[in-house]
Amino acid sequence: MDKMEITKYVVGPVMTNCYFVANKDTKEALIVDPGDEANLLIDRITLSELKPVAILLTHGHFDHVGAVSELKDEFDIPVYAGEHEFDTIKDPHINRSGFFDRVPTVYSADIPLKDDEVIELAGFKIKVLFTPGHTPGGVCYYFPDENVLFSGDTLFYNSVGRTDFPLSSGEALIKGIKEKLMTLDDSVIVLTGHDASTTIGEERMHNPYL
């Protein structure tokens, strides 16, 4: 992680983790799951003199995409998401945007990502891991050279994502975690969509759902 600097901001009504993933050499940055508080995130990017190049969405629930439009427009950057998640992103019933007295909202993404696809952004190699279950097209982002995984709401510290939403599947969630995430090294740091970070080894040993 010599050139990677990660900053976490907890935003919105359900305390979502938004991450800035910056290249310390170039100041280029990725924004993972900008769920809310767009003005705060824009201010922090400006103050840190970061150069955003893309937004990465783990999934399309409102609390992970709520600030996407403002950030995309402010910095003129593309939005990446799993290829099977676009319906979730644009459908207010599935993205849950009407909750917490909010206005049901249609969100959007630009670039669909396939399972096991490897992309390069901001000087980082990123592998896309398709992990449906919490939503139909959720993905995790694995940075193999930095030993870091952004798990969204798929895997948490000693827990897993909820599967009581429209189109969720508990069976698919556990299958994806076991086949895509538990094959990674124990030392991989897992940066989750809510609450504390963890490691693959911690979850392999102590996660009651696995």
N, C-alpha and C. Protein backbone atom coordinates (compact mmCIF):
# COMPACT_ATOMS: atom_id res chain seq x y z
N MET A 1 0.82 -1.21 0.00
CA MET A 1 0.00 0.00 0.00
C MET A 1 0.86 1.26 0.00
N ASP A 2 2.09 1.16 -0.50
CA ASP A 2 3.02 2.28 -0.43
C ASP A 2 2.47 3.54 -1.07
N LYS A 3 1.79 3.38 -2.20
CA LYS A 3 1.31 4.58 -2.91
C LYS A 3 -0.17 4.85 -2.67
N MET A 4 -0.85 3.98 -1.91
CA MET A 4 -2.28 4.13 -1.68
C MET A 4 -2.56 4.82 -0.35
N GLU A 5 -3.43 5.81 -0.40
CA GLU A 5 -3.90 6.46 0.82
C GLU A 5 -5.42 6.40 0.83
N ILE A 6 -5.99 5.82 1.87
CA ILE A 6 -7.44 5.64 1.96
C ILE A 6 -7.99 6.53 3.07
N THR A 7 -9.01 7.28 2.74
CA THR A 7 -9.70 8.11 3.72
C THR A 7 -11.17 7.70 3.75
N LYS A 8 -11.70 7.52 4.95
CA LYS A 8 -13.10 7.11 5.10
C LYS A 8 -13.93 8.27 5.63
N TYR A 9 -15.09 8.45 5.02
CA TYR A 9 -16.07 9.41 5.52
C TYR A 9 -17.39 8.67 5.76
N VAL A 10 -17.95 8.84 6.93
CA VAL A 10 -19.22 8.19 7.27
C VAL A 10 -20.33 9.20 6.99
N VAL A 11 -21.23 8.84 6.07
CA VAL A 11 -22.22 9.81 5.58
C VAL A 11 -23.63 9.23 5.61
N GLY A 12 -24.59 10.13 5.70
CA GLY A 12 -25.98 9.77 5.52
C GLY A 12 -26.69 9.20 6.73
N PRO A 13 -27.98 8.91 6.58
CA PRO A 13 -28.83 8.50 7.71
C PRO A 13 -28.52 7.12 8.26
N VAL A 14 -27.88 6.27 7.47
CA VAL A 14 -27.55 4.93 7.98
C VAL A 14 -26.04 4.73 8.08
N MET A 15 -25.32 5.85 8.19
CA MET A 15 -23.89 5.81 8.50
C MET A 15 -23.11 4.94 7.51
N THR A 16 -23.15 5.33 6.26
CA THR A 16 -22.47 4.59 5.20
C THR A 16 -21.02 5.02 5.09
N ASN A 17 -20.15 4.07 4.87
CA ASN A 17 -18.73 4.35 4.66
C ASN A 17 -18.47 4.70 3.19
N CYS A 18 -18.06 5.93 2.96
CA CYS A 18 -17.57 6.35 1.65
C CYS A 18 -16.06 6.44 1.74
N TYR A 19 -15.37 5.95 0.73
CA TYR A 19 -13.91 5.93 0.75
C TYR A 19 -13.33 6.73 -0.40
N PHE A 20 -12.29 7.50 -0.09
CA PHE A 20 -11.43 8.08 -1.11
C PHE A 20 -10.18 7.21 -1.18
N VAL A 21 -9.87 6.72 -2.37
CA VAL A 21 -8.68 5.91 -2.58
C VAL A 21 -7.73 6.71 -3.45
N ALA A 22 -6.71 7.27 -2.84
CA ALA A 22 -5.83 8.21 -3.54
C ALA A 22 -4.47 7.60 -3.83
N ASN A 23 -3.94 7.97 -4.98
CA ASN A 23 -2.57 7.64 -5.34
C ASN A 23 -1.68 8.77 -4.81
N LYS A 24 -0.86 8.46 -3.85
CA LYS A 24 -0.05 9.49 -3.20
C LYS A 24 0.95 10.14 -4.16
N ASP A 25 1.32 9.42 -5.22
CA ASP A 25 2.29 9.96 -6.17
C ASP A 25 1.67 10.98 -7.12
N THR A 26 0.41 10.72 -7.52
CA THR A 26 -0.21 11.56 -8.55
C THR A 26 -1.38 12.40 -8.04
N LYS A 27 -1.89 12.06 -6.85
CA LYS A 27 -3.08 12.69 -6.26
C LYS A 27 -4.36 12.30 -6.98
N GLU A 28 -4.26 11.41 -7.96
CA GLU A 28 -5.48 10.88 -8.57
C GLU A 28 -6.23 10.05 -7.53
N ALA A 29 -7.56 10.06 -7.62
CA ALA A 29 -8.33 9.39 -6.59
C ALA A 29 -9.58 8.73 -7.16
N LEU A 30 -9.98 7.66 -6.49
CA LEU A 30 -11.24 6.97 -6.76
C LEU A 30 -12.17 7.23 -5.59
N ILE A 31 -13.44 7.35 -5.87
CA ILE A 31 -14.45 7.55 -4.83
C ILE A 31 -15.32 6.30 -4.79
N VAL A 32 -15.30 5.60 -3.68
CA VAL A 32 -16.08 4.37 -3.54
C VAL A 32 -17.33 4.65 -2.72
N ASP A 33 -18.49 4.40 -3.32
CA ASP A 33 -19.79 4.50 -2.65
C ASP A 33 -20.06 5.86 -1.99
N PRO A 34 -20.16 6.91 -2.79
CA PRO A 34 -20.52 8.22 -2.23
C PRO A 34 -22.02 8.27 -1.94
N GLY A 35 -22.40 7.92 -0.72
CA GLY A 35 -23.80 7.69 -0.41
C GLY A 35 -24.61 8.91 -0.06
N ASP A 36 -23.97 9.99 0.34
CA ASP A 36 -24.71 11.17 0.80
C ASP A 36 -23.72 12.30 1.06
N GLU A 37 -24.27 13.44 1.47
CA GLU A 37 -23.45 14.59 1.88
C GLU A 37 -22.45 15.00 0.80
N ALA A 38 -22.98 15.23 -0.39
CA ALA A 38 -22.13 15.56 -1.54
C ALA A 38 -21.26 16.78 -1.28
N ASN A 39 -21.84 17.81 -0.66
CA ASN A 39 -21.05 19.03 -0.42
C ASN A 39 -19.85 18.77 0.48
N LEU A 40 -20.06 17.95 1.50
CA LEU A 40 -18.94 17.58 2.38
C LEU A 40 -17.85 16.87 1.58
N LEU A 41 -18.24 15.91 0.77
CA LEU A 41 -17.26 15.13 0.01
C LEU A 41 -16.52 16.02 -0.99
N ILE A 42 -17.25 16.90 -1.64
CA ILE A 42 -16.60 17.81 -2.59
C ILE A 42 -15.61 18.71 -1.87
N ASP A 43 -16.00 19.22 -0.72
CA ASP A 43 -15.09 20.08 0.05
C ASP A 43 -13.83 19.33 0.44
N ARG A 44 -13.98 18.08 0.88
CA ARG A 44 -12.82 17.30 1.32
C ARG A 44 -11.89 16.99 0.15
N ILE A 45 -12.46 16.73 -1.00
CA ILE A 45 -11.64 16.48 -2.18
C ILE A 45 -10.85 17.73 -2.55
N THR A 46 -11.53 18.86 -2.51
CA THR A 46 -10.88 20.13 -2.86
C THR A 46 -9.78 20.48 -1.88
N LEU A 47 -10.08 20.35 -0.58
CA LEU A 47 -9.10 20.68 0.45
C LEU A 47 -7.88 19.77 0.38
N SER A 48 -8.09 18.52 0.00
CA SER A 48 -6.99 17.55 -0.08
C SER A 48 -6.25 17.63 -1.41
N GLU A 49 -6.76 18.47 -2.31
CA GLU A 49 -6.17 18.66 -3.65
C GLU A 49 -6.11 17.34 -4.41
N LEU A 50 -7.15 16.53 -4.24
CA LEU A 50 -7.23 15.27 -4.97
C LEU A 50 -7.76 15.52 -6.38
N LYS A 51 -7.46 14.57 -7.26
CA LYS A 51 -7.91 14.64 -8.64
C LYS A 51 -8.77 13.41 -8.94
N PRO A 52 -10.07 13.47 -8.66
CA PRO A 52 -10.92 12.30 -8.88
C PRO A 52 -10.93 11.86 -10.34
N VAL A 53 -10.85 10.55 -10.54
CA VAL A 53 -10.89 10.02 -11.91
C VAL A 53 -12.08 9.10 -12.14
N ALA A 54 -12.71 8.60 -11.06
CA ALA A 54 -13.84 7.69 -11.24
C ALA A 54 -14.56 7.48 -9.92
N ILE A 55 -15.82 7.09 -10.04
CA ILE A 55 -16.63 6.64 -8.90
C ILE A 55 -16.87 5.15 -9.07
N LEU A 56 -16.64 4.38 -8.01
CA LEU A 56 -16.89 2.95 -8.00
C LEU A 56 -18.06 2.66 -7.07
N LEU A 57 -19.09 1.98 -7.59
CA LEU A 57 -20.24 1.61 -6.78
C LEU A 57 -20.23 0.11 -6.52
N THR A 58 -20.31 -0.25 -5.25
CA THR A 58 -20.42 -1.68 -4.92
C THR A 58 -21.82 -2.19 -5.21
N HIS A 59 -22.82 -1.33 -5.00
CA HIS A 59 -24.20 -1.69 -5.32
C HIS A 59 -25.04 -0.42 -5.37
N GLY A 60 -26.35 -0.58 -5.69
CA GLY A 60 -27.15 0.56 -6.03
C GLY A 60 -28.11 1.08 -4.98
N HIS A 61 -28.04 0.61 -3.74
CA HIS A 61 -28.93 1.15 -2.72
C HIS A 61 -28.65 2.63 -2.48
N PHE A 62 -29.71 3.36 -2.13
CA PHE A 62 -29.63 4.83 -2.03
C PHE A 62 -28.50 5.29 -1.12
N ASP A 63 -28.23 4.53 -0.07
CA ASP A 63 -27.24 5.00 0.91
C ASP A 63 -25.81 4.82 0.42
N HIS A 64 -25.65 4.24 -0.78
CA HIS A 64 -24.32 4.11 -1.37
C HIS A 64 -24.17 4.93 -2.65
N VAL A 65 -25.28 5.46 -3.15
CA VAL A 65 -25.22 6.19 -4.43
C VAL A 65 -25.80 7.60 -4.35
N GLY A 66 -26.22 8.02 -3.16
CA GLY A 66 -26.97 9.27 -3.04
C GLY A 66 -26.26 10.53 -3.50
N ALA A 67 -24.94 10.54 -3.46
CA ALA A 67 -24.18 11.72 -3.87
C ALA A 67 -23.53 11.57 -5.25
N VAL A 68 -23.88 10.52 -5.95
CA VAL A 68 -23.22 10.23 -7.23
C VAL A 68 -23.39 11.35 -8.24
N SER A 69 -24.62 11.80 -8.43
CA SER A 69 -24.87 12.80 -9.48
C SER A 69 -24.06 14.07 -9.26
N GLU A 70 -24.05 14.54 -8.01
CA GLU A 70 -23.33 15.79 -7.72
C GLU A 70 -21.83 15.64 -7.93
N LEU A 71 -21.27 14.51 -7.51
CA LEU A 71 -19.83 14.30 -7.67
C LEU A 71 -19.46 14.10 -9.14
N LYS A 72 -20.29 13.35 -9.84
CA LYS A 72 -20.04 13.14 -11.27
C LYS A 72 -20.03 14.46 -12.02
N ASP A 73 -21.02 15.32 -11.71
CA ASP A 73 -21.11 16.61 -12.40
C ASP A 73 -19.98 17.55 -11.99
N GLU A 74 -19.65 17.55 -10.71
CA GLU A 74 -18.62 18.47 -10.21
C GLU A 74 -17.25 18.17 -10.83
N PHE A 75 -16.94 16.89 -10.96
CA PHE A 75 -15.59 16.51 -11.39
C PHE A 75 -15.55 15.90 -12.79
N ASP A 76 -16.72 15.76 -13.42
CA ASP A 76 -16.81 15.23 -14.78
C ASP A 76 -16.09 13.88 -14.88
N ILE A 77 -16.53 12.92 -14.05
CA ILE A 77 -15.90 11.60 -13.99
C ILE A 77 -16.94 10.51 -14.21
N PRO A 78 -16.52 9.35 -14.72
CA PRO A 78 -17.46 8.25 -14.97
C PRO A 78 -17.79 7.48 -13.70
N VAL A 79 -18.93 6.78 -13.76
CA VAL A 79 -19.40 5.96 -12.65
C VAL A 79 -19.41 4.51 -13.08
N TYR A 80 -18.70 3.66 -12.33
CA TYR A 80 -18.60 2.23 -12.61
C TYR A 80 -19.51 1.46 -11.66
N ALA A 81 -20.13 0.39 -12.18
CA ALA A 81 -20.94 -0.50 -11.35
C ALA A 81 -21.02 -1.87 -12.02
N GLY A 82 -21.39 -2.87 -11.25
CA GLY A 82 -21.54 -4.21 -11.81
C GLY A 82 -22.58 -4.23 -12.92
N GLU A 83 -22.35 -5.02 -13.93
CA GLU A 83 -23.22 -5.03 -15.11
C GLU A 83 -24.66 -5.45 -14.80
N HIS A 84 -24.87 -6.19 -13.73
CA HIS A 84 -26.21 -6.65 -13.37
C HIS A 84 -26.88 -5.75 -12.33
N GLU A 85 -26.28 -4.60 -12.03
CA GLU A 85 -26.79 -3.74 -10.97
C GLU A 85 -27.48 -2.48 -11.49
N PHE A 86 -27.54 -2.32 -12.79
CA PHE A 86 -28.08 -1.08 -13.32
C PHE A 86 -29.57 -0.93 -13.06
N ASP A 87 -30.31 -2.03 -13.03
CA ASP A 87 -31.73 -1.95 -12.71
C ASP A 87 -31.94 -1.48 -11.27
N THR A 88 -31.10 -1.97 -10.36
CA THR A 88 -31.20 -1.53 -8.97
C THR A 88 -30.95 -0.04 -8.86
N ILE A 89 -29.92 0.42 -9.53
CA ILE A 89 -29.53 1.83 -9.45
C ILE A 89 -30.63 2.75 -9.93
N LYS A 90 -31.33 2.35 -10.97
CA LYS A 90 -32.30 3.27 -11.58
C LYS A 90 -33.74 3.06 -11.10
N ASP A 91 -34.01 2.01 -10.32
CA ASP A 91 -35.37 1.71 -9.89
C ASP A 91 -35.57 2.12 -8.43
N PRO A 92 -36.38 3.16 -8.14
CA PRO A 92 -36.54 3.62 -6.76
C PRO A 92 -37.08 2.56 -5.81
N HIS A 93 -37.87 1.62 -6.34
CA HIS A 93 -38.39 0.56 -5.48
C HIS A 93 -37.27 -0.36 -5.00
N ILE A 94 -36.33 -0.63 -5.87
CA ILE A 94 -35.24 -1.54 -5.51
C ILE A 94 -34.11 -0.79 -4.81
N ASN A 95 -33.83 0.45 -5.21
CA ASN A 95 -32.72 1.17 -4.57
C ASN A 95 -33.11 1.78 -3.22
N ARG A 96 -34.38 1.66 -2.84
CA ARG A 96 -34.86 2.04 -1.51
C ARG A 96 -34.76 3.53 -1.22
N SER A 97 -34.74 4.33 -2.27
CA SER A 97 -34.49 5.76 -2.08
C SER A 97 -35.65 6.50 -1.44
N GLY A 98 -36.83 5.89 -1.36
CA GLY A 98 -37.96 6.56 -0.74
C GLY A 98 -38.00 6.45 0.77
N PHE A 99 -37.06 5.71 1.35
CA PHE A 99 -37.03 5.53 2.79
C PHE A 99 -36.50 6.78 3.49
N PHE A 100 -36.69 6.84 4.79
CA PHE A 100 -36.24 7.97 5.62
C PHE A 100 -36.83 9.30 5.11
N ASP A 101 -38.10 9.22 4.66
CA ASP A 101 -38.81 10.41 4.19
C ASP A 101 -38.11 11.10 3.02
N ARG A 102 -37.40 10.32 2.25
CA ARG A 102 -36.71 10.88 1.09
C ARG A 102 -37.56 10.73 -0.16
N VAL A 103 -37.22 11.49 -1.18
CA VAL A 103 -37.92 11.42 -2.45
C VAL A 103 -37.40 10.22 -3.24
N PRO A 104 -38.28 9.34 -3.73
CA PRO A 104 -37.80 8.24 -4.59
C PRO A 104 -37.00 8.80 -5.76
N THR A 105 -35.83 8.21 -5.99
CA THR A 105 -34.88 8.81 -6.93
C THR A 105 -34.34 7.77 -7.91
N VAL A 106 -34.21 8.18 -9.14
CA VAL A 106 -33.54 7.37 -10.17
C VAL A 106 -32.08 7.82 -10.23
N TYR A 107 -31.17 6.89 -10.01
CA TYR A 107 -29.74 7.19 -10.12
C TYR A 107 -29.21 6.59 -11.42
N SER A 108 -27.95 6.82 -11.70
CA SER A 108 -27.39 6.30 -12.95
C SER A 108 -25.92 5.98 -12.79
N ALA A 109 -25.47 5.04 -13.62
CA ALA A 109 -24.05 4.70 -13.74
C ALA A 109 -23.71 4.66 -15.21
N ASP A 110 -22.43 4.67 -15.51
CA ASP A 110 -21.99 4.79 -16.90
C ASP A 110 -21.38 3.51 -17.46
N ILE A 111 -20.53 2.87 -16.68
CA ILE A 111 -19.69 1.79 -17.22
C ILE A 111 -19.97 0.49 -16.49
N PRO A 112 -20.50 -0.52 -17.20
CA PRO A 112 -20.78 -1.82 -16.58
C PRO A 112 -19.52 -2.66 -16.46
N LEU A 113 -19.41 -3.36 -15.35
CA LEU A 113 -18.24 -4.19 -15.08
C LEU A 113 -18.64 -5.66 -15.00
N LYS A 114 -17.82 -6.51 -15.58
CA LYS A 114 -18.09 -7.94 -15.58
C LYS A 114 -17.35 -8.63 -14.43
N ASP A 115 -17.85 -9.78 -14.05
CA ASP A 115 -17.20 -10.59 -13.03
C ASP A 115 -15.78 -10.94 -13.45
N ASP A 116 -14.85 -10.78 -12.54
CA ASP A 116 -13.43 -11.10 -12.76
C ASP A 116 -12.73 -10.14 -13.73
N GLU A 117 -13.42 -9.11 -14.16
CA GLU A 117 -12.78 -8.10 -15.02
C GLU A 117 -11.72 -7.35 -14.21
N VAL A 118 -10.62 -7.04 -14.84
CA VAL A 118 -9.56 -6.26 -14.20
C VAL A 118 -9.45 -4.92 -14.91
N ILE A 119 -9.57 -3.86 -14.14
CA ILE A 119 -9.46 -2.52 -14.69
C ILE A 119 -8.30 -1.80 -14.02
N GLU A 120 -7.82 -0.74 -14.65
CA GLU A 120 -6.75 0.07 -14.08
C GLU A 120 -7.21 1.52 -14.03
N LEU A 121 -7.22 2.05 -12.81
CA LEU A 121 -7.64 3.44 -12.59
C LEU A 121 -6.75 4.07 -11.54
N ALA A 122 -6.39 5.30 -11.74
CA ALA A 122 -5.57 6.07 -10.79
C ALA A 122 -4.26 5.37 -10.44
N GLY A 123 -3.77 4.55 -11.35
CA GLY A 123 -2.52 3.84 -11.12
C GLY A 123 -2.68 2.55 -10.33
N PHE A 124 -3.93 2.11 -10.10
CA PHE A 124 -4.19 0.88 -9.35
C PHE A 124 -4.82 -0.17 -10.26
N LYS A 125 -4.44 -1.42 -10.03
CA LYS A 125 -5.11 -2.54 -10.68
C LYS A 125 -6.23 -3.01 -9.77
N ILE A 126 -7.43 -3.17 -10.35
CA ILE A 126 -8.62 -3.49 -9.57
C ILE A 126 -9.33 -4.67 -10.21
N LYS A 127 -9.58 -5.71 -9.41
CA LYS A 127 -10.33 -6.86 -9.89
C LYS A 127 -11.76 -6.80 -9.38
N VAL A 128 -12.71 -6.98 -10.28
CA VAL A 128 -14.13 -6.92 -9.96
C VAL A 128 -14.61 -8.32 -9.58
N LEU A 129 -15.21 -8.44 -8.41
CA LEU A 129 -15.72 -9.72 -7.93
C LEU A 129 -17.23 -9.64 -7.80
N PHE A 130 -17.94 -10.42 -8.58
CA PHE A 130 -19.39 -10.42 -8.59
C PHE A 130 -19.90 -11.16 -7.35
N THR A 131 -20.58 -10.41 -6.47
CA THR A 131 -21.07 -10.99 -5.22
C THR A 131 -22.52 -10.59 -5.00
N PRO A 132 -23.44 -11.19 -5.74
CA PRO A 132 -24.86 -10.86 -5.59
C PRO A 132 -25.41 -11.40 -4.27
N GLY A 133 -26.62 -10.98 -3.96
CA GLY A 133 -27.28 -11.49 -2.76
C GLY A 133 -27.92 -10.35 -1.98
N HIS A 134 -27.11 -9.41 -1.55
CA HIS A 134 -27.67 -8.20 -0.92
C HIS A 134 -28.48 -7.44 -1.96
N THR A 135 -27.94 -7.32 -3.15
CA THR A 135 -28.64 -6.85 -4.34
C THR A 135 -28.33 -7.82 -5.48
N PRO A 136 -29.08 -7.75 -6.59
CA PRO A 136 -28.86 -8.72 -7.67
C PRO A 136 -27.51 -8.60 -8.37
N GLY A 137 -26.92 -7.41 -8.37
CA GLY A 137 -25.70 -7.23 -9.15
C GLY A 137 -24.55 -6.63 -8.39
N GLY A 138 -24.54 -6.80 -7.07
CA GLY A 138 -23.49 -6.22 -6.26
C GLY A 138 -22.12 -6.78 -6.59
N VAL A 139 -21.10 -5.95 -6.41
CA VAL A 139 -19.72 -6.38 -6.64
C VAL A 139 -18.84 -5.90 -5.49
N CYS A 140 -17.70 -6.55 -5.35
CA CYS A 140 -16.63 -6.08 -4.47
C CYS A 140 -15.45 -5.70 -5.35
N TYR A 141 -14.61 -4.81 -4.84
CA TYR A 141 -13.44 -4.35 -5.58
C TYR A 141 -12.18 -4.77 -4.84
N TYR A 142 -11.38 -5.59 -5.52
CA TYR A 142 -10.17 -6.14 -4.92
C TYR A 142 -8.95 -5.50 -5.56
N PHE A 143 -8.10 -4.91 -4.72
CA PHE A 143 -6.84 -4.31 -5.16
C PHE A 143 -5.72 -5.28 -4.79
N PRO A 144 -5.34 -6.19 -5.68
CA PRO A 144 -4.40 -7.26 -5.30
C PRO A 144 -3.03 -6.75 -4.89
N ASP A 145 -2.54 -5.72 -5.53
CA ASP A 145 -1.19 -5.23 -5.19
C ASP A 145 -1.15 -4.55 -3.83
N GLU A 146 -2.30 -4.03 -3.41
CA GLU A 146 -2.36 -3.34 -2.11
C GLU A 146 -2.99 -4.20 -1.02
N ASN A 147 -3.50 -5.38 -1.39
CA ASN A 147 -4.06 -6.33 -0.42
C ASN A 147 -5.31 -5.77 0.27
N VAL A 148 -6.14 -5.08 -0.51
CA VAL A 148 -7.32 -4.41 0.03
C VAL A 148 -8.56 -4.81 -0.77
N LEU A 149 -9.66 -5.00 -0.05
CA LEU A 149 -10.94 -5.32 -0.67
C LEU A 149 -12.00 -4.35 -0.15
N PHE A 150 -12.77 -3.76 -1.07
CA PHE A 150 -13.93 -2.96 -0.70
C PHE A 150 -15.16 -3.84 -0.89
N SER A 151 -15.81 -4.16 0.23
CA SER A 151 -16.84 -5.20 0.20
C SER A 151 -18.27 -4.66 0.15
N GLY A 152 -18.45 -3.34 0.21
CA GLY A 152 -19.81 -2.82 0.20
C GLY A 152 -20.63 -3.43 1.34
N ASP A 153 -21.84 -3.87 1.01
CA ASP A 153 -22.70 -4.50 2.02
C ASP A 153 -22.75 -6.02 1.85
N THR A 154 -21.72 -6.58 1.24
CA THR A 154 -21.65 -8.04 1.10
C THR A 154 -21.11 -8.68 2.36
N LEU A 155 -19.97 -8.21 2.83
CA LEU A 155 -19.30 -8.80 3.99
C LEU A 155 -18.98 -7.71 5.00
N PHE A 156 -19.33 -7.97 6.26
CA PHE A 156 -19.06 -7.05 7.36
C PHE A 156 -18.18 -7.73 8.40
N TYR A 157 -17.79 -6.96 9.40
CA TYR A 157 -17.07 -7.53 10.53
C TYR A 157 -17.97 -8.52 11.27
N ASN A 158 -17.64 -9.79 11.16
CA ASN A 158 -18.38 -10.89 11.80
C ASN A 158 -19.86 -10.89 11.43
N SER A 159 -20.16 -10.44 10.23
CA SER A 159 -21.54 -10.45 9.76
C SER A 159 -21.56 -10.39 8.23
N VAL A 160 -22.77 -10.39 7.68
CA VAL A 160 -22.93 -10.30 6.23
C VAL A 160 -24.09 -9.33 5.95
N GLY A 161 -24.27 -9.02 4.68
CA GLY A 161 -25.30 -8.07 4.30
C GLY A 161 -26.71 -8.59 4.47
N ARG A 162 -27.64 -7.68 4.62
CA ARG A 162 -29.04 -8.04 4.74
C ARG A 162 -29.56 -8.63 3.44
N THR A 163 -30.52 -9.55 3.58
CA THR A 163 -31.12 -10.17 2.40
C THR A 163 -32.65 -10.15 2.47
N ASP A 164 -33.19 -9.15 3.17
CA ASP A 164 -34.65 -9.02 3.28
C ASP A 164 -35.18 -7.89 2.41
N PHE A 165 -34.42 -7.49 1.41
CA PHE A 165 -34.84 -6.46 0.48
C PHE A 165 -35.40 -7.08 -0.79
N PRO A 166 -36.13 -6.30 -1.61
CA PRO A 166 -36.57 -6.83 -2.90
C PRO A 166 -35.40 -7.36 -3.73
N LEU A 167 -35.55 -8.56 -4.25
CA LEU A 167 -34.59 -9.23 -5.12
C LEU A 167 -33.31 -9.66 -4.40
N SER A 168 -33.29 -9.60 -3.07
CA SER A 168 -32.15 -10.13 -2.33
C SER A 168 -32.20 -11.65 -2.28
N SER A 169 -31.06 -12.27 -1.99
CA SER A 169 -30.99 -13.73 -1.90
C SER A 169 -29.92 -14.12 -0.89
N GLY A 170 -30.32 -14.70 0.23
CA GLY A 170 -29.35 -15.16 1.22
C GLY A 170 -28.46 -16.25 0.68
N GLU A 171 -29.04 -17.15 -0.11
CA GLU A 171 -28.26 -18.24 -0.68
C GLU A 171 -27.17 -17.72 -1.61
N ALA A 172 -27.53 -16.77 -2.47
CA ALA A 172 -26.55 -16.19 -3.40
C ALA A 172 -25.47 -15.43 -2.65
N LEU A 173 -25.86 -14.72 -1.59
CA LEU A 173 -24.89 -13.94 -0.83
C LEU A 173 -23.81 -14.83 -0.23
N ILE A 174 -24.21 -15.88 0.46
CA ILE A 174 -23.24 -16.77 1.10
C ILE A 174 -22.39 -17.48 0.05
N LYS A 175 -23.01 -17.90 -1.04
CA LYS A 175 -22.27 -18.56 -2.12
C LYS A 175 -21.18 -17.64 -2.67
N GLY A 176 -21.56 -16.36 -2.92
CA GLY A 176 -20.59 -15.42 -3.46
C GLY A 176 -19.44 -15.15 -2.50
N ILE A 177 -19.77 -15.01 -1.22
CA ILE A 177 -18.72 -14.76 -0.22
C ILE A 177 -17.75 -15.93 -0.17
N LYS A 178 -18.30 -17.13 -0.14
CA LYS A 178 -17.43 -18.31 -0.04
C LYS A 178 -16.59 -18.51 -1.30
N GLU A 179 -17.19 -18.31 -2.46
CA GLU A 179 -16.49 -18.60 -3.71
C GLU A 179 -15.58 -17.46 -4.18
N LYS A 180 -15.94 -16.23 -3.85
CA LYS A 180 -15.18 -15.08 -4.36
C LYS A 180 -14.27 -14.43 -3.32
N LEU A 181 -14.72 -14.40 -2.06
CA LEU A 181 -13.97 -13.67 -1.05
C LEU A 181 -13.14 -14.58 -0.17
N MET A 182 -13.69 -15.72 0.20
CA MET A 182 -12.95 -16.62 1.10
C MET A 182 -11.81 -17.35 0.39
N THR A 183 -11.68 -17.15 -0.90
CA THR A 183 -10.53 -17.69 -1.63
C THR A 183 -9.33 -16.73 -1.58
N LEU A 184 -9.55 -15.52 -1.06
CA LEU A 184 -8.47 -14.56 -0.93
C LEU A 184 -7.62 -14.88 0.30
N ASP A 185 -6.45 -14.27 0.36
CA ASP A 185 -5.53 -14.51 1.47
C ASP A 185 -6.08 -13.96 2.78
N ASP A 186 -5.75 -14.62 3.88
CA ASP A 186 -6.21 -14.18 5.20
C ASP A 186 -5.84 -12.74 5.51
N SER A 187 -4.74 -12.27 4.95
CA SER A 187 -4.23 -10.95 5.30
C SER A 187 -4.95 -9.81 4.59
N VAL A 188 -5.83 -10.12 3.64
CA VAL A 188 -6.51 -9.07 2.89
C VAL A 188 -7.37 -8.22 3.82
N ILE A 189 -7.18 -6.91 3.76
CA ILE A 189 -7.96 -5.97 4.57
C ILE A 189 -9.30 -5.73 3.88
N VAL A 190 -10.38 -5.87 4.64
CA VAL A 190 -11.72 -5.71 4.11
C VAL A 190 -12.31 -4.40 4.62
N LEU A 191 -12.54 -3.47 3.69
CA LEU A 191 -13.14 -2.18 4.02
C LEU A 191 -14.62 -2.26 3.67
N THR A 192 -15.45 -2.22 4.68
CA THR A 192 -16.87 -2.54 4.56
C THR A 192 -17.72 -1.31 4.28
N GLY A 193 -18.98 -1.56 3.93
CA GLY A 193 -19.89 -0.48 3.62
C GLY A 193 -20.46 0.23 4.82
N HIS A 194 -20.37 -0.40 5.98
CA HIS A 194 -20.82 0.19 7.24
C HIS A 194 -19.94 -0.36 8.36
N ASP A 195 -19.81 0.42 9.39
CA ASP A 195 -19.12 -0.02 10.61
C ASP A 195 -17.64 -0.30 10.37
N ALA A 196 -17.08 -1.23 11.14
CA ALA A 196 -15.63 -1.41 11.20
C ALA A 196 -15.08 -2.25 10.06
N SER A 197 -13.80 -2.04 9.80
CA SER A 197 -13.10 -2.88 8.82
C SER A 197 -12.76 -4.22 9.46
N THR A 198 -12.29 -5.14 8.62
CA THR A 198 -11.94 -6.47 9.11
C THR A 198 -10.89 -7.06 8.16
N THR A 199 -10.65 -8.35 8.27
CA THR A 199 -9.77 -9.06 7.34
C THR A 199 -10.43 -10.35 6.91
N ILE A 200 -9.97 -10.87 5.81
CA ILE A 200 -10.50 -12.16 5.35
C ILE A 200 -10.25 -13.24 6.39
N GLY A 201 -9.07 -13.23 7.00
CA GLY A 201 -8.76 -14.23 8.01
C GLY A 201 -9.68 -14.17 9.21
N GLU A 202 -9.99 -12.97 9.67
CA GLU A 202 -10.92 -12.79 10.79
C GLU A 202 -12.28 -13.38 10.46
N GLU A 203 -12.75 -13.10 9.25
CA GLU A 203 -14.08 -13.59 8.88
C GLU A 203 -14.08 -15.10 8.64
N ARG A 204 -13.01 -15.61 8.11
CA ARG A 204 -12.92 -17.06 7.90
C ARG A 204 -13.01 -17.81 9.24
N MET A 205 -12.42 -17.21 10.25
CA MET A 205 -12.35 -17.87 11.55
C MET A 205 -13.60 -17.63 12.41
N HIS A 206 -14.19 -16.43 12.34
CA HIS A 206 -15.16 -16.04 13.36
C HIS A 206 -16.51 -15.60 12.85
N ASN A 207 -16.71 -15.51 11.55
CA ASN A 207 -17.99 -15.06 11.04
C ASN A 207 -19.03 -16.18 11.18
N PRO A 208 -20.08 -15.98 12.00
CA PRO A 208 -21.03 -17.07 12.25
C PRO A 208 -21.85 -17.46 11.03
N TYR A 209 -21.92 -16.59 10.03
CA TYR A 209 -22.70 -16.87 8.84
C TYR A 209 -21.95 -17.75 7.84
N LEU A 210 -20.66 -17.93 8.09
CA LEU A 210 -19.83 -18.69 7.15
C LEU A 210 -19.43 -20.04 7.72
